[in-house]
Amino acid sequence: MKYTEEHEWLRADGDAYVVGITEHATTQLGDLVFVELPEVGTVVSKDDEIVVIESVKAASDIMAPVDGEIVAVNTDLADDPSLANSDPLGNGWFFKIKPSDASQLEEMLDEDAYNALIG
């Protein structure tokens, strides 16, 4: 898995990557109550705001971790945002993205570097 400094995780899934937020992020945000997902087929640039989440504590955005195309979204999460809290590394994923520039993945953190970041 790869991680961003914005507390997102990425896991390879064929030629795409599944993206979610880390357990640390869900702890900081509190219980999620609303998620607005992007449309499948949307082409995004790295750092574009593509998901809106609202929790009991705050509203926040999830940024595109890489340039690419959204190839799937987790509609279960739209119906039950608490999945991101109860299973952030599993069923609580947000979207799948097919990168157009795989070299951007090299800039991301590995698990040890991410754990040092949140330390």
C-alpha atoms as a PDB file:
ATOM      1  CA  MET A   1       0.000   0.000   0.000  1.00  0.00           C
ATOM      2  CA  LYS A   2       0.952   3.626  -0.544  1.00  0.00           C
ATOM      3  CA  TYR A   3      -0.049   6.604   1.594  1.00  0.00           C
ATOM      4  CA  THR A   4      -0.329  10.358   1.110  1.00  0.00           C
ATOM      5  CA  GLU A   5       0.468  13.068   3.633  1.00  0.00           C
ATOM      6  CA  GLU A   6      -3.275  13.898   3.456  1.00  0.00           C
ATOM      7  CA  HIS A   7      -4.032  10.512   5.108  1.00  0.00           C
ATOM      8  CA  GLU A   8      -5.246   8.660   2.030  1.00  0.00           C
ATOM      9  CA  TRP A   9      -4.220   5.099   1.219  1.00  0.00           C
ATOM     10  CA  LEU A  10      -3.873   3.445  -2.181  1.00  0.00           C
ATOM     11  CA  ARG A  11      -3.891  -0.272  -2.946  1.00  0.00           C
ATOM     12  CA  ALA A  12      -3.203  -1.735  -6.387  1.00  0.00           C
ATOM     13  CA  ASP A  13      -6.160  -3.448  -8.060  1.00  0.00           C
ATOM     14  CA  GLY A  14      -5.148  -4.514 -11.570  1.00  0.00           C
ATOM     15  CA  ASP A  15      -4.272  -1.367 -13.523  1.00  0.00           C
ATOM     16  CA  ALA A  16      -6.220   0.834 -11.093  1.00  0.00           C
ATOM     17  CA  TYR A  17      -5.815   1.812  -7.449  1.00  0.00           C
ATOM     18  CA  VAL A  18      -8.418   1.601  -4.705  1.00  0.00           C
ATOM     19  CA  VAL A  19      -8.381   4.796  -2.593  1.00  0.00           C
ATOM     20  CA  GLY A  20      -9.636   5.409   0.922  1.00  0.00           C
ATOM     21  CA  ILE A  21      -8.722   7.310   4.054  1.00  0.00           C
ATOM     22  CA  THR A  22      -6.647   5.911   6.874  1.00  0.00           C
ATOM     23  CA  GLU A  23      -7.837   4.915  10.313  1.00  0.00           C
ATOM     24  CA  HIS A  24      -5.899   7.927  11.642  1.00  0.00           C
ATOM     25  CA  ALA A  25      -7.988  10.200   9.402  1.00  0.00           C
ATOM     26  CA  THR A  26     -11.275   8.671  10.521  1.00  0.00           C
ATOM     27  CA  THR A  27     -10.241   9.090  14.161  1.00  0.00           C
ATOM     28  CA  GLN A  28      -9.452  12.762  13.562  1.00  0.00           C
ATOM     29  CA  LEU A  29     -12.698  13.383  11.666  1.00  0.00           C
ATOM     30  CA  GLY A  30     -15.070  11.459  13.904  1.00  0.00           C
ATOM     31  CA  ASP A  31     -18.141   9.627  12.623  1.00  0.00           C
ATOM     32  CA  LEU A  32     -18.824  10.295   8.947  1.00  0.00           C
ATOM     33  CA  VAL A  33     -22.398  11.294   8.207  1.00  0.00           C
ATOM     34  CA  PHE A  34     -22.257  12.255   4.504  1.00  0.00           C
ATOM     35  CA  VAL A  35     -20.118  11.361   1.485  1.00  0.00           C
ATOM     36  CA  GLU A  36     -20.358  12.855  -2.006  1.00  0.00           C
ATOM     37  CA  LEU A  37     -18.487  10.693  -4.507  1.00  0.00           C
ATOM     38  CA  PRO A  38     -17.226  11.632  -7.981  1.00  0.00           C
ATOM     39  CA  GLU A  39     -18.826  10.320 -11.167  1.00  0.00           C
ATOM     40  CA  VAL A  40     -17.292   7.262 -12.836  1.00  0.00           C
ATOM     41  CA  GLY A  41     -15.431   8.442 -15.935  1.00  0.00           C
ATOM     42  CA  THR A  42     -14.326  11.741 -14.380  1.00  0.00           C
ATOM     43  CA  VAL A  43     -10.779  12.655 -15.373  1.00  0.00           C
ATOM     44  CA  VAL A  44      -8.903  14.307 -12.507  1.00  0.00           C
ATOM     45  CA  SER A  45      -5.570  15.929 -11.837  1.00  0.00           C
ATOM     46  CA  LYS A  46      -3.473  15.298  -8.746  1.00  0.00           C
ATOM     47  CA  ASP A  47      -4.734  17.396  -5.809  1.00  0.00           C
ATOM     48  CA  ASP A  48      -8.165  18.083  -7.375  1.00  0.00           C
ATOM     49  CA  GLU A  49     -10.902  18.021  -4.728  1.00  0.00           C
ATOM     50  CA  ILE A  50     -12.986  15.025  -5.767  1.00  0.00           C
ATOM     51  CA  VAL A  51     -14.821  13.713  -2.693  1.00  0.00           C
ATOM     52  CA  VAL A  52     -16.699  15.739  -0.097  1.00  0.00           C
ATOM     53  CA  ILE A  53     -17.069  14.189   3.336  1.00  0.00           C
ATOM     54  CA  GLU A  54     -18.873  15.500   6.364  1.00  0.00           C
ATOM     55  CA  SER A  55     -18.450  14.202   9.864  1.00  0.00           C
ATOM     56  CA  VAL A  56     -19.848  15.088  13.236  1.00  0.00           C
ATOM     57  CA  LYS A  57     -16.767  17.296  13.693  1.00  0.00           C
ATOM     58  CA  ALA A  58     -16.038  18.880  10.295  1.00  0.00           C
ATOM     59  CA  ALA A  59     -16.462  18.951   6.551  1.00  0.00           C
ATOM     60  CA  SER A  60     -13.470  17.951   4.478  1.00  0.00           C
ATOM     61  CA  ASP A  61     -12.390  17.101   0.953  1.00  0.00           C
ATOM     62  CA  ILE A  62     -10.478  14.161  -0.395  1.00  0.00           C
ATOM     63  CA  MET A  63      -8.001  15.090  -3.089  1.00  0.00           C
ATOM     64  CA  ALA A  64      -7.044  13.057  -6.122  1.00  0.00           C
ATOM     65  CA  PRO A  65      -3.784  11.335  -5.168  1.00  0.00           C
ATOM     66  CA  VAL A  66      -2.656  11.075  -8.814  1.00  0.00           C
ATOM     67  CA  ASP A  67      -3.683  12.197 -12.291  1.00  0.00           C
ATOM     68  CA  GLY A  68      -6.124   9.729 -13.801  1.00  0.00           C
ATOM     69  CA  GLU A  69      -9.666   8.575 -14.421  1.00  0.00           C
ATOM     70  CA  ILE A  70     -12.206   7.491 -11.812  1.00  0.00           C
ATOM     71  CA  VAL A  71     -13.164   3.957 -12.845  1.00  0.00           C
ATOM     72  CA  ALA A  72     -15.372   2.947  -9.884  1.00  0.00           C
ATOM     73  CA  VAL A  73     -16.972   4.423  -6.764  1.00  0.00           C
ATOM     74  CA  ASN A  74     -18.135   2.742  -3.589  1.00  0.00           C
ATOM     75  CA  THR A  75     -21.896   3.326  -3.710  1.00  0.00           C
ATOM     76  CA  ASP A  76     -22.246   1.433  -0.411  1.00  0.00           C
ATOM     77  CA  LEU A  77     -20.323   4.284   1.226  1.00  0.00           C
ATOM     78  CA  ALA A  78     -22.742   6.866  -0.156  1.00  0.00           C
ATOM     79  CA  ASP A  79     -25.595   4.931   1.475  1.00  0.00           C
ATOM     80  CA  ASP A  80     -23.688   4.219   4.717  1.00  0.00           C
ATOM     81  CA  PRO A  81     -20.815   6.690   5.335  1.00  0.00           C
ATOM     82  CA  SER A  82     -19.993   4.951   8.626  1.00  0.00           C
ATOM     83  CA  LEU A  83     -18.303   2.158   6.623  1.00  0.00           C
ATOM     84  CA  ALA A  84     -15.288   4.482   6.375  1.00  0.00           C
ATOM     85  CA  ASN A  85     -15.120   4.509  10.185  1.00  0.00           C
ATOM     86  CA  SER A  86     -15.795   0.833  10.832  1.00  0.00           C
ATOM     87  CA  ASP A  87     -13.632  -0.598   8.006  1.00  0.00           C
ATOM     88  CA  PRO A  88     -11.396   2.177   6.605  1.00  0.00           C
ATOM     89  CA  LEU A  89      -8.917  -0.188   4.912  1.00  0.00           C
ATOM     90  CA  GLY A  90     -11.577  -2.549   3.550  1.00  0.00           C
ATOM     91  CA  ASN A  91     -15.237  -1.876   2.743  1.00  0.00           C
ATOM     92  CA  GLY A  92     -14.822   1.833   3.540  1.00  0.00           C
ATOM     93  CA  TRP A  93     -12.928   2.645   0.323  1.00  0.00           C
ATOM     94  CA  PHE A  94     -14.068   5.692  -1.676  1.00  0.00           C
ATOM     95  CA  PHE A  95     -13.110   5.235  -5.338  1.00  0.00           C
ATOM     96  CA  LYS A  96     -10.831   3.477  -7.808  1.00  0.00           C
ATOM     97  CA  ILE A  97      -8.580   5.516 -10.050  1.00  0.00           C
ATOM     98  CA  LYS A  98      -6.641   4.462 -13.130  1.00  0.00           C
ATOM     99  CA  PRO A  99      -3.468   6.592 -13.077  1.00  0.00           C
ATOM    100  CA  SER A 100      -2.365   8.344 -16.246  1.00  0.00           C
ATOM    101  CA  ASP A 101       1.112   8.984 -14.772  1.00  0.00           C
ATOM    102  CA  ALA A 102       2.228   6.042 -12.646  1.00  0.00           C
ATOM    103  CA  SER A 103       5.447   7.841 -11.703  1.00  0.00           C
ATOM    104  CA  GLN A 104       3.389   9.969  -9.284  1.00  0.00           C
ATOM    105  CA  LEU A 105       3.017   6.874  -7.097  1.00  0.00           C
ATOM    106  CA  GLU A 106       6.760   6.974  -6.421  1.00  0.00           C
ATOM    107  CA  GLU A 107       6.278  10.237  -4.487  1.00  0.00           C
ATOM    108  CA  MET A 108       3.979   8.573  -1.953  1.00  0.00           C
ATOM    109  CA  LEU A 109       4.816   7.220   1.468  1.00  0.00           C
ATOM    110  CA  ASP A 110       5.252   3.573   2.355  1.00  0.00           C
ATOM    111  CA  GLU A 111       3.732   2.239   5.586  1.00  0.00           C
ATOM    112  CA  ASP A 112       6.818   2.976   7.709  1.00  0.00           C
ATOM    113  CA  ALA A 113       7.064   6.569   6.453  1.00  0.00           C
ATOM    114  CA  TYR A 114       3.328   7.112   7.008  1.00  0.00           C
ATOM    115  CA  ASN A 115       3.529   5.745  10.558  1.00  0.00           C
ATOM    116  CA  ALA A 116       6.452   8.106  11.227  1.00  0.00           C
ATOM    117  CA  LEU A 117       4.350  11.006   9.880  1.00  0.00           C
ATOM    118  CA  ILE A 118       1.460  10.353  12.261  1.00  0.00           C
ATOM    119  CA  GLY A 119       3.911   9.260  14.976  1.00  0.00           C
END
